[in-house]
């Protein structure tokens, strides 16, 4: 049975799980009170569906060296391993 942590904690079960993982009370409370927490993210387009120039720009942003000589396949691999 989940303990009731009062009106300041919206999701008592999630709060307790986060505290057991070692999070501070304030951080666990922030996450447990966020209505979007626990929802799946990852709305980005797959690397395979992007153009080579898009991949190059992302590699440049991250700072992958040698990107100018890489093929699309090599850029994808480098981005996944960075």
N, C-alpha and C. Protein backbone atom coordinates (compact mmCIF):
# COMPACT_ATOMS: atom_id res chain seq x y z
N UNK A 1 0.85 -1.19 0.00
CA UNK A 1 0.00 0.00 0.00
C UNK A 1 0.89 1.25 0.00
N UNK A 2 0.58 2.17 -0.87
CA UNK A 2 1.33 3.41 -0.99
C UNK A 2 0.93 4.37 0.10
N UNK A 3 1.92 4.98 0.73
CA UNK A 3 1.68 5.96 1.78
C UNK A 3 1.18 7.26 1.15
N UNK A 4 0.26 7.92 1.81
CA UNK A 4 -0.26 9.21 1.35
C UNK A 4 0.69 10.29 1.84
N UNK A 5 1.32 11.01 0.92
CA UNK A 5 2.27 12.05 1.26
C UNK A 5 1.63 13.43 1.32
N UNK A 6 0.33 13.49 1.34
CA UNK A 6 -0.37 14.76 1.47
C UNK A 6 -0.68 15.39 0.13
N UNK A 7 -1.34 16.55 0.17
CA UNK A 7 -1.78 17.20 -1.07
C UNK A 7 -0.65 17.77 -1.92
N UNK A 8 0.55 17.90 -1.35
CA UNK A 8 1.64 18.48 -2.12
C UNK A 8 2.26 17.49 -3.11
N UNK A 9 1.99 16.20 -2.95
CA UNK A 9 2.49 15.17 -3.85
C UNK A 9 1.32 14.60 -4.64
N UNK A 10 1.37 14.76 -5.96
CA UNK A 10 0.25 14.32 -6.81
C UNK A 10 0.27 12.82 -7.09
N UNK A 11 1.47 12.22 -7.20
CA UNK A 11 1.59 10.80 -7.52
C UNK A 11 2.44 10.14 -6.45
N UNK A 12 1.78 9.66 -5.39
CA UNK A 12 2.49 9.09 -4.25
C UNK A 12 3.33 7.87 -4.63
N UNK A 13 2.80 7.02 -5.49
CA UNK A 13 3.51 5.80 -5.89
C UNK A 13 4.81 6.13 -6.63
N UNK A 14 4.73 7.06 -7.57
CA UNK A 14 5.91 7.46 -8.31
C UNK A 14 6.92 8.15 -7.38
N UNK A 15 6.43 8.97 -6.48
CA UNK A 15 7.29 9.66 -5.51
C UNK A 15 8.08 8.65 -4.68
N UNK A 16 7.40 7.64 -4.17
CA UNK A 16 8.07 6.62 -3.36
C UNK A 16 9.12 5.85 -4.16
N UNK A 17 8.79 5.51 -5.38
CA UNK A 17 9.74 4.78 -6.23
C UNK A 17 10.99 5.62 -6.49
N UNK A 18 10.81 6.90 -6.73
CA UNK A 18 11.95 7.79 -6.97
C UNK A 18 12.80 7.95 -5.71
N UNK A 19 12.17 8.05 -4.56
CA UNK A 19 12.90 8.16 -3.30
C UNK A 19 13.70 6.89 -3.03
N UNK A 20 13.13 5.71 -3.36
CA UNK A 20 13.84 4.44 -3.18
C UNK A 20 15.06 4.35 -4.10
N UNK A 21 15.00 5.02 -5.25
CA UNK A 21 16.13 5.06 -6.18
C UNK A 21 17.22 6.01 -5.69
N UNK A 22 16.93 6.78 -4.64
CA UNK A 22 17.94 7.65 -4.06
C UNK A 22 17.79 9.12 -4.38
N UNK A 23 16.71 9.51 -5.02
CA UNK A 23 16.51 10.93 -5.34
C UNK A 23 16.15 11.71 -4.08
N UNK A 24 16.51 12.99 -4.12
CA UNK A 24 16.17 13.86 -3.00
C UNK A 24 14.65 14.05 -2.96
N UNK A 25 14.17 14.49 -1.82
CA UNK A 25 12.72 14.71 -1.67
C UNK A 25 12.21 15.75 -2.66
N UNK A 26 12.97 16.82 -2.84
CA UNK A 26 12.49 17.89 -3.73
C UNK A 26 12.48 17.46 -5.19
N UNK A 27 13.51 16.73 -5.62
CA UNK A 27 13.54 16.28 -7.01
C UNK A 27 12.45 15.24 -7.26
N UNK A 28 12.27 14.31 -6.34
CA UNK A 28 11.23 13.29 -6.48
C UNK A 28 9.85 13.95 -6.53
N UNK A 29 9.65 14.98 -5.71
CA UNK A 29 8.37 15.69 -5.70
C UNK A 29 8.12 16.41 -7.02
N UNK A 30 9.17 17.06 -7.57
CA UNK A 30 9.01 17.76 -8.85
C UNK A 30 8.59 16.79 -9.95
N UNK A 31 9.24 15.63 -10.00
CA UNK A 31 8.92 14.65 -11.03
C UNK A 31 7.54 14.06 -10.81
N UNK A 32 7.22 13.70 -9.59
CA UNK A 32 5.93 13.08 -9.28
C UNK A 32 4.77 14.05 -9.52
N UNK A 33 5.03 15.34 -9.42
CA UNK A 33 3.97 16.33 -9.62
C UNK A 33 3.83 16.80 -11.07
N UNK A 34 4.75 16.39 -11.94
CA UNK A 34 4.71 16.78 -13.35
C UNK A 34 3.74 15.85 -14.09
N UNK A 35 2.67 16.37 -14.66
CA UNK A 35 1.70 15.51 -15.35
C UNK A 35 2.27 14.83 -16.59
N UNK A 36 3.38 15.34 -17.12
CA UNK A 36 3.98 14.73 -18.31
C UNK A 36 5.06 13.70 -17.99
N UNK A 37 5.41 13.57 -16.72
CA UNK A 37 6.47 12.61 -16.37
C UNK A 37 5.95 11.20 -16.58
N UNK A 38 6.85 10.36 -17.05
CA UNK A 38 6.48 8.97 -17.29
C UNK A 38 5.95 8.72 -18.68
N UNK A 39 5.70 9.78 -19.43
CA UNK A 39 5.23 9.62 -20.81
C UNK A 39 6.43 9.43 -21.72
N UNK A 40 6.23 8.63 -22.75
CA UNK A 40 7.31 8.35 -23.68
C UNK A 40 7.62 9.58 -24.51
N UNK A 41 8.89 9.85 -24.65
CA UNK A 41 9.33 10.96 -25.50
C UNK A 41 9.78 10.41 -26.83
N UNK A 42 10.79 11.02 -27.41
CA UNK A 42 11.39 10.49 -28.63
C UNK A 42 10.56 10.70 -29.87
N UNK A 43 10.25 11.91 -30.17
CA UNK A 43 9.46 12.22 -31.36
C UNK A 43 10.34 12.53 -32.57
N UNK A 44 11.64 12.39 -32.39
CA UNK A 44 12.57 12.72 -33.47
C UNK A 44 12.48 11.72 -34.62
N UNK A 45 12.74 12.23 -35.80
CA UNK A 45 12.75 11.42 -37.01
C UNK A 45 13.94 10.46 -36.97
N UNK A 46 13.76 9.26 -37.49
CA UNK A 46 14.84 8.29 -37.53
C UNK A 46 15.99 8.81 -38.38
N UNK A 47 17.21 8.45 -38.00
CA UNK A 47 18.37 8.89 -38.78
C UNK A 47 18.27 8.44 -40.23
N UNK A 48 17.79 7.23 -40.46
CA UNK A 48 17.69 6.71 -41.83
C UNK A 48 16.76 7.53 -42.71
N UNK A 49 15.80 8.20 -42.10
CA UNK A 49 14.83 9.00 -42.85
C UNK A 49 15.31 10.44 -43.10
N UNK A 50 16.43 10.82 -42.51
CA UNK A 50 16.96 12.17 -42.67
C UNK A 50 17.89 12.23 -43.88
N UNK A 51 18.09 13.43 -44.38
CA UNK A 51 19.01 13.60 -45.51
C UNK A 51 20.44 13.60 -44.98
N UNK A 52 21.38 13.39 -45.89
CA UNK A 52 22.79 13.41 -45.50
C UNK A 52 23.17 14.78 -44.94
N UNK A 53 22.65 15.84 -45.54
CA UNK A 53 22.99 17.18 -45.05
C UNK A 53 22.43 17.43 -43.65
N UNK A 54 21.25 16.87 -43.36
CA UNK A 54 20.70 16.98 -42.01
C UNK A 54 21.60 16.25 -41.01
N UNK A 55 22.04 15.05 -41.39
CA UNK A 55 22.93 14.27 -40.53
C UNK A 55 24.25 14.99 -40.32
N UNK A 56 24.77 15.60 -41.40
CA UNK A 56 26.03 16.35 -41.33
C UNK A 56 25.87 17.51 -40.34
N UNK A 57 24.76 18.22 -40.42
CA UNK A 57 24.52 19.36 -39.52
C UNK A 57 24.46 18.91 -38.06
N UNK A 58 23.82 17.78 -37.83
CA UNK A 58 23.74 17.24 -36.47
C UNK A 58 25.13 16.84 -35.98
N UNK A 59 25.92 16.19 -36.85
CA UNK A 59 27.28 15.79 -36.50
C UNK A 59 28.14 17.01 -36.21
N UNK A 60 27.93 18.08 -36.95
CA UNK A 60 28.66 19.33 -36.74
C UNK A 60 28.29 19.93 -35.39
N UNK A 61 27.00 19.90 -35.08
CA UNK A 61 26.49 20.42 -33.81
C UNK A 61 27.12 19.69 -32.62
N UNK A 62 27.25 18.37 -32.76
CA UNK A 62 27.81 17.55 -31.69
C UNK A 62 29.33 17.63 -31.65
N UNK A 63 29.94 17.92 -32.79
CA UNK A 63 31.39 18.03 -32.86
C UNK A 63 32.10 16.76 -33.28
N UNK A 64 31.46 15.97 -34.14
CA UNK A 64 32.07 14.74 -34.64
C UNK A 64 33.14 15.10 -35.66
N UNK A 65 34.35 14.62 -35.41
CA UNK A 65 35.46 14.92 -36.31
C UNK A 65 35.45 13.99 -37.51
N UNK A 66 35.90 14.50 -38.66
CA UNK A 66 35.97 13.72 -39.89
C UNK A 66 34.65 13.58 -40.60
N UNK A 67 33.67 14.34 -40.19
CA UNK A 67 32.31 14.22 -40.74
C UNK A 67 32.23 14.57 -42.21
N UNK A 68 33.10 15.45 -42.68
CA UNK A 68 33.01 15.89 -44.08
C UNK A 68 33.34 14.77 -45.06
N UNK A 69 34.07 13.77 -44.60
CA UNK A 69 34.44 12.65 -45.47
C UNK A 69 33.56 11.42 -45.26
N UNK A 70 32.57 11.52 -44.39
CA UNK A 70 31.73 10.37 -44.06
C UNK A 70 30.55 10.22 -45.02
N UNK A 71 30.18 8.97 -45.27
CA UNK A 71 28.98 8.67 -46.03
C UNK A 71 27.78 8.79 -45.08
N UNK A 72 26.59 8.72 -45.63
CA UNK A 72 25.39 8.80 -44.81
C UNK A 72 25.40 7.69 -43.76
N UNK A 73 25.76 6.49 -44.16
CA UNK A 73 25.80 5.34 -43.25
C UNK A 73 26.81 5.58 -42.13
N UNK A 74 27.97 6.14 -42.47
CA UNK A 74 29.00 6.43 -41.48
C UNK A 74 28.56 7.54 -40.52
N UNK A 75 27.86 8.54 -41.05
CA UNK A 75 27.34 9.60 -40.19
C UNK A 75 26.35 9.05 -39.18
N UNK A 76 25.46 8.18 -39.64
CA UNK A 76 24.48 7.56 -38.75
C UNK A 76 25.19 6.80 -37.63
N UNK A 77 26.18 6.01 -38.01
CA UNK A 77 26.93 5.23 -37.04
C UNK A 77 27.65 6.14 -36.03
N UNK A 78 28.26 7.21 -36.52
CA UNK A 78 28.95 8.13 -35.64
C UNK A 78 28.00 8.83 -34.69
N UNK A 79 26.83 9.21 -35.19
CA UNK A 79 25.84 9.87 -34.34
C UNK A 79 25.30 8.94 -33.26
N UNK A 80 25.09 7.70 -33.60
CA UNK A 80 24.59 6.73 -32.63
C UNK A 80 25.62 6.39 -31.57
N UNK A 81 26.90 6.50 -31.91
CA UNK A 81 27.95 6.15 -30.97
C UNK A 81 28.53 7.34 -30.24
N UNK A 82 27.94 8.51 -30.41
CA UNK A 82 28.47 9.70 -29.73
C UNK A 82 27.80 9.92 -28.40
